[in-house]
């Protein structure tokens, strides 16, 4: 009789889209400034375009679309369409402020490259 050794592999859970605390603070500010509904959330999308093939889209919306996947990160509702979700899996959205400006940044493990201007990506 042979003994069997069990091997356990621990992997980080697959989290489609995450907001940092800083990004969530900015999204809350935008929602309040727009006087959006209590059910409002952030639409996160991937759109064809830009010099590398895809670009990100962010928009405050009162309600999700019919086919949207609804996620929550840092207390913010995120609305993501199925097409975009396949390109956003594991993406972290941050908000940075520098002397050159401020804005949302995307750390996307699915992006294999980007353009020189930094506004589009390829997979």
PDB file of N, CA and C in Angstrom:
ATOM      1  N   UNK A   1       0.845  -1.166   0.000  1.00  0.00           N
ATOM      2  CA  UNK A   1       0.000   0.000   0.000  1.00  0.00           C
ATOM      3  C   UNK A   1       0.893   1.233   0.000  1.00  0.00           C
ATOM      4  N   UNK A   2       0.620   2.159  -0.925  1.00  0.00           N
ATOM      5  CA  UNK A   2       1.417   3.371  -1.019  1.00  0.00           C
ATOM      6  C   UNK A   2       0.655   4.539  -0.408  1.00  0.00           C
ATOM      7  N   UNK A   3       1.400   5.386   0.248  1.00  0.00           N
ATOM      8  CA  UNK A   3       0.794   6.600   0.801  1.00  0.00           C
ATOM      9  C   UNK A   3       0.700   7.640  -0.304  1.00  0.00           C
ATOM     10  N   UNK A   4      -0.382   8.369  -0.316  1.00  0.00           N
ATOM     11  CA  UNK A   4      -0.544   9.441  -1.292  1.00  0.00           C
ATOM     12  C   UNK A   4      -0.317  10.768  -0.593  1.00  0.00           C
ATOM     13  N   UNK A   5       0.353  11.636  -1.287  1.00  0.00           N
ATOM     14  CA  UNK A   5       0.603  12.962  -0.743  1.00  0.00           C
ATOM     15  C   UNK A   5      -0.338  13.943  -1.414  1.00  0.00           C
ATOM     16  N   UNK A   6      -1.060  14.648  -0.615  1.00  0.00           N
ATOM     17  CA  UNK A   6      -1.968  15.663  -1.152  1.00  0.00           C
ATOM     18  C   UNK A   6      -1.201  16.964  -1.323  1.00  0.00           C
ATOM     19  N   UNK A   7      -1.354  17.562  -2.469  1.00  0.00           N
ATOM     20  CA  UNK A   7      -0.726  18.843  -2.738  1.00  0.00           C
ATOM     21  C   UNK A   7      -1.819  19.891  -2.826  1.00  0.00           C
ATOM     22  N   UNK A   8      -1.647  20.948  -2.088  1.00  0.00           N
ATOM     23  CA  UNK A   8      -2.626  22.025  -2.098  1.00  0.00           C
ATOM     24  C   UNK A   8      -2.029  23.226  -2.803  1.00  0.00           C
ATOM     25  N   UNK A   9      -2.777  23.742  -3.745  1.00  0.00           N
ATOM     26  CA  UNK A   9      -2.364  24.956  -4.453  1.00  0.00           C
ATOM     27  C   UNK A   9      -3.292  26.078  -4.023  1.00  0.00           C
ATOM     28  N   UNK A  10      -2.705  27.142  -3.543  1.00  0.00           N
ATOM     29  CA  UNK A  10      -3.500  28.289  -3.143  1.00  0.00           C
ATOM     30  C   UNK A  10      -3.311  29.379  -4.176  1.00  0.00           C
ATOM     31  N   UNK A  11      -4.410  29.806  -4.750  1.00  0.00           N
ATOM     32  CA  UNK A  11      -4.355  30.875  -5.733  1.00  0.00           C
ATOM     33  C   UNK A  11      -5.211  32.023  -5.240  1.00  0.00           C
ATOM     34  N   UNK A  12      -4.807  33.218  -5.608  1.00  0.00           N
ATOM     35  CA  UNK A  12      -5.616  34.380  -5.256  1.00  0.00           C
ATOM     36  C   UNK A  12      -6.950  34.265  -5.974  1.00  0.00           C
ATOM     37  N   UNK A  13      -8.021  34.610  -5.297  1.00  0.00           N
ATOM     38  CA  UNK A  13      -9.313  34.534  -5.954  1.00  0.00           C
ATOM     39  C   UNK A  13      -9.365  35.492  -7.135  1.00  0.00           C
ATOM     40  N   UNK A  14     -10.103  35.118  -8.135  1.00  0.00           N
ATOM     41  CA  UNK A  14     -10.246  35.961  -9.317  1.00  0.00           C
ATOM     42  C   UNK A  14     -11.211  37.098  -9.005  1.00  0.00           C
ATOM     43  N   UNK A  15     -10.696  38.294  -8.959  1.00  0.00           N
ATOM     44  CA  UNK A  15     -11.521  39.467  -8.710  1.00  0.00           C
ATOM     45  C   UNK A  15     -11.534  40.279  -9.993  1.00  0.00           C
ATOM     46  N   UNK A  16     -12.690  40.401 -10.619  1.00  0.00           N
ATOM     47  CA  UNK A  16     -12.740  41.063 -11.916  1.00  0.00           C
ATOM     48  C   UNK A  16     -12.190  42.486 -11.926  1.00  0.00           C
ATOM     49  N   UNK A  17     -12.674  43.362 -11.052  1.00  0.00           N
ATOM     50  CA  UNK A  17     -12.243  44.757 -11.055  1.00  0.00           C
ATOM     51  C   UNK A  17     -12.202  45.261  -9.615  1.00  0.00           C
ATOM     52  N   UNK A  18     -11.110  45.912  -9.265  1.00  0.00           N
ATOM     53  CA  UNK A  18     -10.950  46.489  -7.927  1.00  0.00           C
ATOM     54  C   UNK A  18     -10.697  47.986  -8.023  1.00  0.00           C
ATOM     55  N   UNK A  19     -11.261  48.734  -7.089  1.00  0.00           N
ATOM     56  CA  UNK A  19     -10.928  50.142  -6.929  1.00  0.00           C
ATOM     57  C   UNK A  19     -10.023  50.276  -5.716  1.00  0.00           C
ATOM     58  N   UNK A  20      -9.027  51.130  -5.801  1.00  0.00           N
ATOM     59  CA  UNK A  20      -8.272  51.465  -4.600  1.00  0.00           C
ATOM     60  C   UNK A  20      -9.135  52.408  -3.765  1.00  0.00           C
ATOM     61  N   UNK A  21      -8.762  52.594  -2.516  1.00  0.00           N
ATOM     62  CA  UNK A  21      -9.500  53.515  -1.648  1.00  0.00           C
ATOM     63  C   UNK A  21      -9.483  54.930  -2.224  1.00  0.00           C
ATOM     64  N   UNK A  22      -8.362  55.327  -2.800  1.00  0.00           N
ATOM     65  CA  UNK A  22      -8.242  56.661  -3.393  1.00  0.00           C
ATOM     66  C   UNK A  22      -9.182  56.814  -4.583  1.00  0.00           C
ATOM     67  N   UNK A  23      -9.241  55.799  -5.431  1.00  0.00           N
ATOM     68  CA  UNK A  23     -10.145  55.842  -6.585  1.00  0.00           C
ATOM     69  C   UNK A  23     -11.596  55.882  -6.131  1.00  0.00           C
ATOM     70  N   UNK A  24     -11.933  55.099  -5.119  1.00  0.00           N
ATOM     71  CA  UNK A  24     -13.311  55.074  -4.616  1.00  0.00           C
ATOM     72  C   UNK A  24     -13.718  56.438  -4.064  1.00  0.00           C
ATOM     73  N   UNK A  25     -12.807  57.116  -3.392  1.00  0.00           N
ATOM     74  CA  UNK A  25     -13.091  58.456  -2.872  1.00  0.00           C
ATOM     75  C   UNK A  25     -13.425  59.413  -4.008  1.00  0.00           C
ATOM     76  N   UNK A  26     -12.666  59.348  -5.089  1.00  0.00           N
ATOM     77  CA  UNK A  26     -12.926  60.216  -6.244  1.00  0.00           C
ATOM     78  C   UNK A  26     -14.253  59.877  -6.910  1.00  0.00           C
ATOM     79  N   UNK A  27     -14.550  58.593  -7.047  1.00  0.00           N
ATOM     80  CA  UNK A  27     -15.820  58.184  -7.658  1.00  0.00           C
ATOM     81  C   UNK A  27     -16.981  58.695  -6.808  1.00  0.00           C
ATOM     82  N   UNK A  28     -16.892  58.557  -5.493  1.00  0.00           N
ATOM     83  CA  UNK A  28     -17.947  59.070  -4.601  1.00  0.00           C
ATOM     84  C   UNK A  28     -18.141  60.573  -4.801  1.00  0.00           C
ATOM     85  N   UNK A  29     -17.032  61.285  -4.934  1.00  0.00           N
ATOM     86  CA  UNK A  29     -17.096  62.739  -5.137  1.00  0.00           C
ATOM     87  C   UNK A  29     -17.821  63.059  -6.438  1.00  0.00           C
ATOM     88  N   UNK A  30     -17.497  62.338  -7.513  1.00  0.00           N
ATOM     89  CA  UNK A  30     -18.165  62.556  -8.803  1.00  0.00           C
ATOM     90  C   UNK A  30     -19.655  62.240  -8.713  1.00  0.00           C
ATOM     91  N   UNK A  31     -20.008  61.159  -8.033  1.00  0.00           N
ATOM     92  CA  UNK A  31     -21.417  60.779  -7.883  1.00  0.00           C
ATOM     93  C   UNK A  31     -22.171  61.886  -7.147  1.00  0.00           C
ATOM     94  N   UNK A  32     -21.585  62.405  -6.070  1.00  0.00           N
ATOM     95  CA  UNK A  32     -22.224  63.480  -5.306  1.00  0.00           C
ATOM     96  C   UNK A  32     -22.341  64.753  -6.132  1.00  0.00           C
ATOM     97  N   UNK A  33     -21.288  65.111  -6.868  1.00  0.00           N
ATOM     98  CA  UNK A  33     -21.312  66.319  -7.697  1.00  0.00           C
ATOM     99  C   UNK A  33     -22.406  66.252  -8.754  1.00  0.00           C
ATOM    100  N   UNK A  34     -22.642  65.072  -9.304  1.00  0.00           N
ATOM    101  CA  UNK A  34     -23.656  64.915 -10.345  1.00  0.00           C
ATOM    102  C   UNK A  34     -25.059  64.783  -9.771  1.00  0.00           C
ATOM    103  N   UNK A  35     -25.177  64.646  -8.466  1.00  0.00           N
ATOM    104  CA  UNK A  35     -26.485  64.455  -7.865  1.00  0.00           C
ATOM    105  C   UNK A  35     -27.142  63.179  -8.359  1.00  0.00           C
ATOM    106  N   UNK A  36     -26.341  62.163  -8.572  1.00  0.00           N
ATOM    107  CA  UNK A  36     -26.828  60.892  -9.120  1.00  0.00           C
ATOM    108  C   UNK A  36     -27.698  60.162  -8.104  1.00  0.00           C
ATOM    109  N   UNK A  37     -28.485  59.238  -8.611  1.00  0.00           N
ATOM    110  CA  UNK A  37     -29.377  58.434  -7.776  1.00  0.00           C
ATOM    111  C   UNK A  37     -28.577  57.600  -6.780  1.00  0.00           C
ATOM    112  N   UNK A  38     -29.246  57.181  -5.716  1.00  0.00           N
ATOM    113  CA  UNK A  38     -28.596  56.355  -4.696  1.00  0.00           C
ATOM    114  C   UNK A  38     -28.110  55.026  -5.274  1.00  0.00           C
ATOM    115  N   UNK A  39     -28.773  54.566  -6.325  1.00  0.00           N
ATOM    116  CA  UNK A  39     -28.407  53.299  -6.966  1.00  0.00           C
ATOM    117  C   UNK A  39     -27.272  53.463  -7.974  1.00  0.00           C
ATOM    118  N   UNK A  40     -26.749  54.680  -8.123  1.00  0.00           N
ATOM    119  CA  UNK A  40     -25.733  54.967  -9.135  1.00  0.00           C
ATOM    120  C   UNK A  40     -24.462  54.163  -8.901  1.00  0.00           C
ATOM    121  N   UNK A  41     -23.732  53.991  -9.984  1.00  0.00           N
ATOM    122  CA  UNK A  41     -22.463  53.295  -9.914  1.00  0.00           C
ATOM    123  C   UNK A  41     -21.540  53.763 -11.017  1.00  0.00           C
ATOM    124  N   UNK A  42     -20.394  53.155 -11.076  1.00  0.00           N
ATOM    125  CA  UNK A  42     -19.384  53.489 -12.074  1.00  0.00           C
ATOM    126  C   UNK A  42     -19.404  52.447 -13.180  1.00  0.00           C
ATOM    127  N   UNK A  43     -19.685  52.902 -14.405  1.00  0.00           N
ATOM    128  CA  UNK A  43     -19.561  52.009 -15.555  1.00  0.00           C
ATOM    129  C   UNK A  43     -18.089  51.941 -15.911  1.00  0.00           C
ATOM    130  N   UNK A  44     -17.565  50.722 -15.971  1.00  0.00           N
ATOM    131  CA  UNK A  44     -16.181  50.485 -16.377  1.00  0.00           C
ATOM    132  C   UNK A  44     -16.250  49.690 -17.665  1.00  0.00           C
ATOM    133  N   UNK A  45     -15.663  50.236 -18.722  1.00  0.00           N
ATOM    134  CA  UNK A  45     -15.764  49.563 -20.005  1.00  0.00           C
ATOM    135  C   UNK A  45     -14.460  49.545 -20.767  1.00  0.00           C
ATOM    136  N   UNK A  46     -14.406  48.647 -21.720  1.00  0.00           N
ATOM    137  CA  UNK A  46     -13.312  48.566 -22.677  1.00  0.00           C
ATOM    138  C   UNK A  46     -13.939  48.828 -24.036  1.00  0.00           C
ATOM    139  N   UNK A  47     -13.391  49.800 -24.745  1.00  0.00           N
ATOM    140  CA  UNK A  47     -13.937  50.200 -26.028  1.00  0.00           C
ATOM    141  C   UNK A  47     -12.893  50.014 -27.118  1.00  0.00           C
ATOM    142  N   UNK A  48     -13.312  49.597 -28.309  1.00  0.00           N
ATOM    143  CA  UNK A  48     -12.359  49.555 -29.415  1.00  0.00           C
ATOM    144  C   UNK A  48     -11.899  50.976 -29.719  1.00  0.00           C
ATOM    145  N   UNK A  49     -10.615  51.151 -29.914  1.00  0.00           N
ATOM    146  CA  UNK A  49     -10.109  52.472 -30.253  1.00  0.00           C
ATOM    147  C   UNK A  49      -8.720  52.706 -29.715  1.00  0.00           C
ATOM    148  N   UNK A  50      -8.234  53.898 -29.966  1.00  0.00           N
ATOM    149  CA  UNK A  50      -6.885  54.242 -29.543  1.00  0.00           C
ATOM    150  C   UNK A  50      -5.871  53.634 -30.492  1.00  0.00           C
ATOM    151  N   UNK A  51      -4.637  54.018 -30.357  1.00  0.00           N
ATOM    152  CA  UNK A  51      -3.614  53.539 -31.284  1.00  0.00           C
ATOM    153  C   UNK A  51      -3.170  52.111 -31.006  1.00  0.00           C
ATOM    154  N   UNK A  52      -3.537  51.536 -29.849  1.00  0.00           N
ATOM    155  CA  UNK A  52      -3.148  50.152 -29.556  1.00  0.00           C
ATOM    156  C   UNK A  52      -4.300  49.162 -29.668  1.00  0.00           C
ATOM    157  N   UNK A  53      -5.499  49.628 -29.955  1.00  0.00           N
ATOM    158  CA  UNK A  53      -6.614  48.713 -30.163  1.00  0.00           C
ATOM    159  C   UNK A  53      -7.778  48.861 -29.216  1.00  0.00           C
ATOM    160  N   UNK A  54      -7.509  49.110 -27.920  1.00  0.00           N
ATOM    161  CA  UNK A  54      -8.575  49.254 -26.928  1.00  0.00           C
ATOM    162  C   UNK A  54      -8.293  50.458 -26.037  1.00  0.00           C
ATOM    163  N   UNK A  55      -9.357  51.031 -25.522  1.00  0.00           N
ATOM    164  CA  UNK A  55      -9.214  52.088 -24.524  1.00  0.00           C
ATOM    165  C   UNK A  55     -10.256  51.893 -23.434  1.00  0.00           C
ATOM    166  N   UNK A  56      -9.980  52.460 -22.277  1.00  0.00           N
ATOM    167  CA  UNK A  56     -10.879  52.326 -21.134  1.00  0.00           C
ATOM    168  C   UNK A  56     -11.927  53.424 -21.170  1.00  0.00           C
ATOM    169  N   UNK A  57     -13.090  53.107 -20.631  1.00  0.00           N
ATOM    170  CA  UNK A  57     -14.138  54.102 -20.483  1.00  0.00           C
ATOM    171  C   UNK A  57     -14.693  54.051 -19.074  1.00  0.00           C
ATOM    172  N   UNK A  58     -14.896  55.220 -18.483  1.00  0.00           N
ATOM    173  CA  UNK A  58     -15.492  55.341 -17.151  1.00  0.00           C
ATOM    174  C   UNK A  58     -16.628  56.348 -17.238  1.00  0.00           C
ATOM    175  N   UNK A  59     -17.746  56.025 -16.599  1.00  0.00           N
ATOM    176  CA  UNK A  59     -18.882  56.929 -16.605  1.00  0.00           C
ATOM    177  C   UNK A  59     -19.752  56.646 -15.385  1.00  0.00           C
ATOM    178  N   UNK A  60     -20.295  57.693 -14.784  1.00  0.00           N
ATOM    179  CA  UNK A  60     -21.246  57.531 -13.684  1.00  0.00           C
ATOM    180  C   UNK A  60     -22.624  57.306 -14.301  1.00  0.00           C
ATOM    181  N   UNK A  61     -23.291  56.240 -13.885  1.00  0.00           N
ATOM    182  CA  UNK A  61     -24.626  55.932 -14.400  1.00  0.00           C
ATOM    183  C   UNK A  61     -25.557  55.615 -13.240  1.00  0.00           C
ATOM    184  N   UNK A  62     -26.831  55.987 -13.408  1.00  0.00           N
ATOM    185  CA  UNK A  62     -27.823  55.766 -12.351  1.00  0.00           C
ATOM    186  C   UNK A  62     -28.170  54.299 -12.159  1.00  0.00           C
ATOM    187  N   UNK A  63     -28.208  53.535 -13.241  1.00  0.00           N
ATOM    188  CA  UNK A  63     -28.617  52.130 -13.179  1.00  0.00           C
ATOM    189  C   UNK A  63     -27.729  51.293 -14.095  1.00  0.00           C
ATOM    190  N   UNK A  64     -27.570  50.015 -13.783  1.00  0.00           N
ATOM    191  CA  UNK A  64     -26.821  49.128 -14.688  1.00  0.00           C
ATOM    192  C   UNK A  64     -27.646  48.813 -15.931  1.00  0.00           C
ATOM    193  N   UNK A  65     -26.962  48.397 -16.990  1.00  0.00           N
ATOM    194  CA  UNK A  65     -27.639  47.923 -18.189  1.00  0.00           C
ATOM    195  C   UNK A  65     -28.192  46.525 -17.964  1.00  0.00           C
ATOM    196  N   UNK A  66     -29.043  46.091 -18.865  1.00  0.00           N
ATOM    197  CA  UNK A  66     -29.730  44.808 -18.713  1.00  0.00           C
ATOM    198  C   UNK A  66     -28.778  43.624 -18.596  1.00  0.00           C
ATOM    199  N   UNK A  67     -27.703  43.613 -19.369  1.00  0.00           N
ATOM    200  CA  UNK A  67     -26.775  42.481 -19.373  1.00  0.00           C
ATOM    201  C   UNK A  67     -25.528  42.706 -18.519  1.00  0.00           C
ATOM    202  N   UNK A  68     -25.467  43.818 -17.815  1.00  0.00           N
ATOM    203  CA  UNK A  68     -24.271  44.144 -17.033  1.00  0.00           C
ATOM    204  C   UNK A  68     -24.028  43.170 -15.890  1.00  0.00           C
ATOM    205  N   UNK A  69     -22.766  42.966 -15.605  1.00  0.00           N
ATOM    206  CA  UNK A  69     -22.354  42.288 -14.383  1.00  0.00           C
ATOM    207  C   UNK A  69     -22.184  43.404 -13.356  1.00  0.00           C
ATOM    208  N   UNK A  70     -22.776  43.229 -12.183  1.00  0.00           N
ATOM    209  CA  UNK A  70     -22.691  44.249 -11.138  1.00  0.00           C
ATOM    210  C   UNK A  70     -21.711  43.763 -10.077  1.00  0.00           C
ATOM    211  N   UNK A  71     -20.664  44.540  -9.876  1.00  0.00           N
ATOM    212  CA  UNK A  71     -19.633  44.230  -8.894  1.00  0.00           C
ATOM    213  C   UNK A  71     -19.651  45.315  -7.827  1.00  0.00           C
ATOM    214  N   UNK A  72     -18.951  45.083  -6.751  1.00  0.00           N
ATOM    215  CA  UNK A  72     -18.797  46.123  -5.737  1.00  0.00           C
ATOM    216  C   UNK A  72     -17.360  46.117  -5.249  1.00  0.00           C
ATOM    217  N   UNK A  73     -16.803  47.318  -5.150  1.00  0.00           N
ATOM    218  CA  UNK A  73     -15.443  47.465  -4.647  1.00  0.00           C
ATOM    219  C   UNK A  73     -15.376  48.743  -3.829  1.00  0.00           C
ATOM    220  N   UNK A  74     -14.875  48.638  -2.623  1.00  0.00           N
ATOM    221  CA  UNK A  74     -14.736  49.794  -1.730  1.00  0.00           C
ATOM    222  C   UNK A  74     -16.069  50.527  -1.558  1.00  0.00           C
ATOM    223  N   UNK A  75     -17.172  49.783  -1.587  1.00  0.00           N
ATOM    224  CA  UNK A  75     -18.489  50.380  -1.400  1.00  0.00           C
ATOM    225  C   UNK A  75     -19.073  51.042  -2.631  1.00  0.00           C
ATOM    226  N   UNK A  76     -18.411  50.925  -3.768  1.00  0.00           N
ATOM    227  CA  UNK A  76     -18.886  51.511  -5.024  1.00  0.00           C
ATOM    228  C   UNK A  76     -19.418  50.403  -5.918  1.00  0.00           C
ATOM    229  N   UNK A  77     -20.598  50.610  -6.467  1.00  0.00           N
ATOM    230  CA  UNK A  77     -21.140  49.656  -7.444  1.00  0.00           C
ATOM    231  C   UNK A  77     -20.444  49.868  -8.784  1.00  0.00           C
ATOM    232  N   UNK A  78     -20.016  48.783  -9.402  1.00  0.00           N
ATOM    233  CA  UNK A  78     -19.354  48.825 -10.705  1.00  0.00           C
ATOM    234  C   UNK A  78     -20.232  48.091 -11.705  1.00  0.00           C
ATOM    235  N   UNK A  79     -20.512  48.722 -12.832  1.00  0.00           N
ATOM    236  CA  UNK A  79     -21.313  48.127 -13.891  1.00  0.00           C
ATOM    237  C   UNK A  79     -20.377  47.786 -15.049  1.00  0.00           C
ATOM    238  N   UNK A  80     -20.308  46.505 -15.400  1.00  0.00           N
ATOM    239  CA  UNK A  80     -19.392  46.059 -16.452  1.00  0.00           C
ATOM    240  C   UNK A  80     -20.159  45.178 -17.429  1.00  0.00           C
ATOM    241  N   UNK A  81     -20.074  45.507 -18.712  1.00  0.00           N
ATOM    242  CA  UNK A  81     -20.727  44.671 -19.718  1.00  0.00           C
ATOM    243  C   UNK A  81     -19.887  43.416 -19.960  1.00  0.00           C
ATOM    244  N   UNK A  82     -20.517  42.337 -20.431  1.00  0.00           N
ATOM    245  CA  UNK A  82     -19.792  41.069 -20.617  1.00  0.00           C
ATOM    246  C   UNK A  82     -18.584  41.171 -21.553  1.00  0.00           C
ATOM    247  N   UNK A  83     -18.667  41.979 -22.614  1.00  0.00           N
ATOM    248  CA  UNK A  83     -17.532  42.136 -23.524  1.00  0.00           C
ATOM    249  C   UNK A  83     -16.328  42.703 -22.772  1.00  0.00           C
ATOM    250  N   UNK A  84     -16.554  43.750 -22.005  1.00  0.00           N
ATOM    251  CA  UNK A  84     -15.460  44.404 -21.278  1.00  0.00           C
ATOM    252  C   UNK A  84     -14.886  43.525 -20.182  1.00  0.00           C
ATOM    253  N   UNK A  85     -15.748  42.748 -19.537  1.00  0.00           N
ATOM    254  CA  UNK A  85     -15.311  41.938 -18.399  1.00  0.00           C
ATOM    255  C   UNK A  85     -14.169  40.996 -18.760  1.00  0.00           C
ATOM    256  N   UNK A  86     -14.202  40.437 -19.966  1.00  0.00           N
ATOM    257  CA  UNK A  86     -13.144  39.502 -20.365  1.00  0.00           C
ATOM    258  C   UNK A  86     -11.774  40.176 -20.439  1.00  0.00           C
ATOM    259  N   UNK A  87     -11.747  41.483 -20.679  1.00  0.00           N
ATOM    260  CA  UNK A  87     -10.480  42.213 -20.763  1.00  0.00           C
ATOM    261  C   UNK A  87     -10.086  42.875 -19.442  1.00  0.00           C
ATOM    262  N   UNK A  88     -11.022  42.928 -18.498  1.00  0.00           N
ATOM    263  CA  UNK A  88     -10.773  43.631 -17.240  1.00  0.00           C
ATOM    264  C   UNK A  88     -10.486  42.720 -16.057  1.00  0.00           C
ATOM    265  N   UNK A  89     -10.582  41.421 -16.228  1.00  0.00           N
ATOM    266  CA  UNK A  89     -10.421  40.497 -15.107  1.00  0.00           C
ATOM    267  C   UNK A  89      -9.087  40.727 -14.394  1.00  0.00           C
ATOM    268  N   UNK A  90      -9.164  41.075 -13.111  1.00  0.00           N
ATOM    269  CA  UNK A  90      -7.957  41.313 -12.322  1.00  0.00           C
ATOM    270  C   UNK A  90      -7.456  42.741 -12.343  1.00  0.00           C
ATOM    271  N   UNK A  91      -8.168  43.646 -12.991  1.00  0.00           N
ATOM    272  CA  UNK A  91      -7.722  45.030 -13.126  1.00  0.00           C
ATOM    273  C   UNK A  91      -7.946  45.823 -11.843  1.00  0.00           C
ATOM    274  N   UNK A  92      -6.949  46.613 -11.472  1.00  0.00           N
ATOM    275  CA  UNK A  92      -7.059  47.535 -10.346  1.00  0.00           C
ATOM    276  C   UNK A  92      -7.092  48.958 -10.894  1.00  0.00           C
ATOM    277  N   UNK A  93      -8.099  49.709 -10.464  1.00  0.00           N
ATOM    278  CA  UNK A  93      -8.239  51.103 -10.881  1.00  0.00           C
ATOM    279  C   UNK A  93      -7.817  51.981  -9.711  1.00  0.00           C
ATOM    280  N   UNK A  94      -6.903  52.891  -9.980  1.00  0.00           N
ATOM    281  CA  UNK A  94      -6.403  53.802  -8.955  1.00  0.00           C
ATOM    282  C   UNK A  94      -6.639  55.234  -9.426  1.00  0.00           C
ATOM    283  N   UNK A  95      -6.474  56.174  -8.527  1.00  0.00           N
ATOM    284  CA  UNK A  95      -6.538  57.594  -8.865  1.00  0.00           C
ATOM    285  C   UNK A  95      -5.252  58.213  -8.364  1.00  0.00           C
ATOM    286  N   UNK A  96      -4.526  58.851  -9.263  1.00  0.00           N
ATOM    287  CA  UNK A  96      -3.240  59.439  -8.889  1.00  0.00           C
ATOM    288  C   UNK A  96      -3.235  60.932  -9.183  1.00  0.00           C
ATOM    289  N   UNK A  97      -2.532  61.661  -8.347  1.00  0.00           N
ATOM    290  CA  UNK A  97      -2.344  63.099  -8.528  1.00  0.00           C
ATOM    291  C   UNK A  97      -0.854  63.378  -8.532  1.00  0.00           C
ATOM    292  N   UNK A  98      -0.400  64.041  -9.580  1.00  0.00           N
ATOM    293  CA  UNK A  98       1.001  64.443  -9.677  1.00  0.00           C
ATOM    294  C   UNK A  98       1.038  65.910 -10.089  1.00  0.00           C
ATOM    295  N   UNK A  99       2.221  66.471 -10.152  1.00  0.00           N
ATOM    296  CA  UNK A  99       2.340  67.857 -10.580  1.00  0.00           C
ATOM    297  C   UNK A  99       1.939  68.019 -12.051  1.00  0.00           C
ATOM    298  N   UNK A 100       1.926  66.928 -12.800  1.00  0.00           N
ATOM    299  CA  UNK A 100       1.540  66.976 -14.213  1.00  0.00           C
ATOM    300  C   UNK A 100       0.037  66.843 -14.416  1.00  0.00           C
ATOM    301  N   UNK A 101      -0.676  66.431 -13.396  1.00  0.00           N
ATOM    302  CA  UNK A 101      -2.115  66.271 -13.515  1.00  0.00           C
ATOM    303  C   UNK A 101      -2.608  65.136 -12.641  1.00  0.00           C
ATOM    304  N   UNK A 102      -3.890  64.866 -12.755  1.00  0.00           N
ATOM    305  CA  UNK A 102      -4.475  63.789 -11.965  1.00  0.00           C
ATOM    306  C   UNK A 102      -5.468  63.022 -12.818  1.00  0.00           C
ATOM    307  N   UNK A 103      -5.699  61.774 -12.442  1.00  0.00           N
ATOM    308  CA  UNK A 103      -6.655  60.968 -13.182  1.00  0.00           C
ATOM    309  C   UNK A 103      -6.617  59.516 -12.751  1.00  0.00           C
ATOM    310  N   UNK A 104      -7.521  58.756 -13.340  1.00  0.00           N
ATOM    311  CA  UNK A 104      -7.613  57.332 -13.044  1.00  0.00           C
ATOM    312  C   UNK A 104      -6.564  56.568 -13.844  1.00  0.00           C
ATOM    313  N   UNK A 105      -5.967  55.575 -13.208  1.00  0.00           N
ATOM    314  CA  UNK A 105      -5.004  54.705 -13.878  1.00  0.00           C
ATOM    315  C   UNK A 105      -5.481  53.266 -13.750  1.00  0.00           C
ATOM    316  N   UNK A 106      -5.079  52.445 -14.696  1.00  0.00           N
ATOM    317  CA  UNK A 106      -5.508  51.047 -14.745  1.00  0.00           C
ATOM    318  C   UNK A 106      -4.293  50.141 -14.696  1.00  0.00           C
ATOM    319  N   UNK A 107      -4.277  49.241 -13.734  1.00  0.00           N
ATOM    320  CA  UNK A 107      -3.251  48.205 -13.669  1.00  0.00           C
ATOM    321  C   UNK A 107      -3.933  46.925 -14.136  1.00  0.00           C
ATOM    322  N   UNK A 108      -3.781  46.616 -15.417  1.00  0.00           N
ATOM    323  CA  UNK A 108      -4.500  45.514 -16.051  1.00  0.00           C
ATOM    324  C   UNK A 108      -3.531  44.390 -16.398  1.00  0.00           C
ATOM    325  N   UNK A 109      -3.633  43.246 -15.720  1.00  0.00           N
ATOM    326  CA  UNK A 109      -2.725  42.135 -16.004  1.00  0.00           C
ATOM    327  C   UNK A 109      -2.952  41.503 -17.375  1.00  0.00           C
ATOM    328  N   UNK A 110      -4.061  41.834 -18.033  1.00  0.00           N
ATOM    329  CA  UNK A 110      -4.360  41.279 -19.354  1.00  0.00           C
ATOM    330  C   UNK A 110      -3.743  42.087 -20.484  1.00  0.00           C
ATOM    331  N   UNK A 111      -3.327  43.311 -20.197  1.00  0.00           N
ATOM    332  CA  UNK A 111      -2.759  44.174 -21.227  1.00  0.00           C
ATOM    333  C   UNK A 111      -1.327  43.740 -21.517  1.00  0.00           C
ATOM    334  N   UNK A 112      -1.052  43.482 -22.775  1.00  0.00           N
ATOM    335  CA  UNK A 112       0.299  43.059 -23.145  1.00  0.00           C
ATOM    336  C   UNK A 112       1.143  44.219 -23.651  1.00  0.00           C
ATOM    337  N   UNK A 113       0.529  45.361 -23.843  1.00  0.00           N
ATOM    338  CA  UNK A 113       1.268  46.518 -24.307  1.00  0.00           C
ATOM    339  C   UNK A 113       0.369  47.729 -24.346  1.00  0.00           C
ATOM    340  N   UNK A 114       0.963  48.867 -24.617  1.00  0.00           N
ATOM    341  CA  UNK A 114       0.208  50.109 -24.693  1.00  0.00           C
ATOM    342  C   UNK A 114       0.861  51.046 -25.678  1.00  0.00           C
ATOM    343  N   UNK A 115       0.249  52.187 -25.846  1.00  0.00           N
ATOM    344  CA  UNK A 115       0.803  53.158 -26.778  1.00  0.00           C
ATOM    345  C   UNK A 115       1.656  54.171 -26.019  1.00  0.00           C
ATOM    346  N   UNK A 116       2.352  54.997 -26.745  1.00  0.00           N
ATOM    347  CA  UNK A 116       3.222  55.991 -26.135  1.00  0.00           C
ATOM    348  C   UNK A 116       2.477  57.029 -25.318  1.00  0.00           C
ATOM    349  N   UNK A 117       1.252  57.345 -25.725  1.00  0.00           N
ATOM    350  CA  UNK A 117       0.495  58.368 -24.997  1.00  0.00           C
ATOM    351  C   UNK A 117      -0.152  57.807 -23.739  1.00  0.00           C
ATOM    352  N   UNK A 118      -0.216  56.478 -23.612  1.00  0.00           N
ATOM    353  CA  UNK A 118      -0.745  55.852 -22.408  1.00  0.00           C
ATOM    354  C   UNK A 118      -2.249  55.772 -22.320  1.00  0.00           C
ATOM    355  N   UNK A 119      -2.960  56.114 -23.400  1.00  0.00           N
ATOM    356  CA  UNK A 119      -4.420  56.108 -23.309  1.00  0.00           C
ATOM    357  C   UNK A 119      -5.070  54.876 -23.919  1.00  0.00           C
ATOM    358  N   UNK A 120      -4.283  53.980 -24.483  1.00  0.00           N
ATOM    359  CA  UNK A 120      -4.874  52.752 -25.020  1.00  0.00           C
ATOM    360  C   UNK A 120      -3.955  51.568 -24.748  1.00  0.00           C
ATOM    361  N   UNK A 121      -4.499  50.365 -24.963  1.00  0.00           N
ATOM    362  CA  UNK A 121      -3.735  49.157 -24.662  1.00  0.00           C
ATOM    363  C   UNK A 121      -4.072  48.059 -25.655  1.00  0.00           C
ATOM    364  N   UNK A 122      -3.243  47.024 -25.645  1.00  0.00           N
ATOM    365  CA  UNK A 122      -3.463  45.848 -26.477  1.00  0.00           C
ATOM    366  C   UNK A 122      -3.428  44.610 -25.584  1.00  0.00           C
ATOM    367  N   UNK A 123      -4.094  43.546 -26.041  1.00  0.00           N
ATOM    368  CA  UNK A 123      -4.095  42.289 -25.282  1.00  0.00           C
ATOM    369  C   UNK A 123      -3.485  41.182 -26.111  1.00  0.00           C
TER     370      UNK A 123
END
